Amino acid sequence: MELGQGHLRTIIAVAECGSIGRAAIRLGQSQPAVSGNVRRIEKYFGGELFHRSASGVRTTPLGDWVLVKARTLAADMDQLVSSARSVAGGTGGLTVAGQPCATMVALIPQLPRTAEVRVDHSASWLLQQLSTDALDVCVLTEPAGSELPVPAGVHRRVIARESRPVGISAEHPLADKETVELADFADDDWVDNPFSDSGLRAACLRAGFEPRVRYWIADPGVYWPLVRSGRAAGLFTGATRARQGVVFRSPQGDPLANRIVLCWRDRTESHAALIHRLTDVTMINGTESPLQ
């Protein structure tokens, strides 16, 4: 086996996610494939990179050392590819990425057809990619009341505010109530995103209770059945439409709302007209901008 960029990304994903399963979701691979890849990488290095346990994985001393080198090499490779594409294609090779949200969906038609578009659940991963020149622009979600730190040379602008309703089973006791408080869900189990801070815990603590998160799932397609069956309540984006057996309820005061943040690098100032157009996406999306 020859060590390649894909192996480096596997090491980084497993270390950051703390779980083979969550790393598999980020990498877009099956869990057995990632597990097998880790074993091959460990054989290549001649020692274990990760301690395995029922609660997940954590790096060994060898894993810590390899992880530092892997991050540096992966960042250098991303910068090499990005720079080479810019030289080959001029300013047209724009790469835009974002977290899943209604504003991201509304942004895509505003982009040049030549732009490359990616979607990832991890804000920290997207910011890392932005700081290493692998991305030009990214769209992030941050819970109201907190602010994502951005690397040097990266600009940020809040462009929208999106409500996030709570999805519950149609058989839930609150399903027939038009007005609910977040505290009304204190006795529910929850499903939450393992890759980024959804703001659920902070909002629930402000409402006077600690949420019981029993399911950590990034893919909404997977947690729909949990919500429909009544096993858990979950957060959904404002653009999501309820399905049969699931109803949405928005707690009073909108305590679970997200701010949508547009981030771009200094070098992207050459796309100033595009950046200006993207910051006006709230008029297209119909979301409420706190800047207005």
Foldseek 3Di string as FASTA:
>chain_A
DDDDLVLLLLLQLQAQLQALCRSCVQVVHHSVVSVVSQVVVCVVVVHHQWDDDPVGIHGDPVVVVVNVVSLVVNLVVLLVVLVVCCVVPPPLAAEEEEEDALLVVLLVVLHPPNYHYYYGHAPVVVLSCQVSNNHFKYKYKDAPPDDDDHDPQKDKDFQFKWFKWKKAFCPDPCNPPQADAPVVCQPFEAEEASRYCQCVQVLVVVVPHGHHHPHHDHDPVVCLVCRLVGNGMYIDTPVDDDDPRMDTHQHPPRNRMITMMMMGGPVCVVVVVSVVVSSNSCVVSVGHTPVD
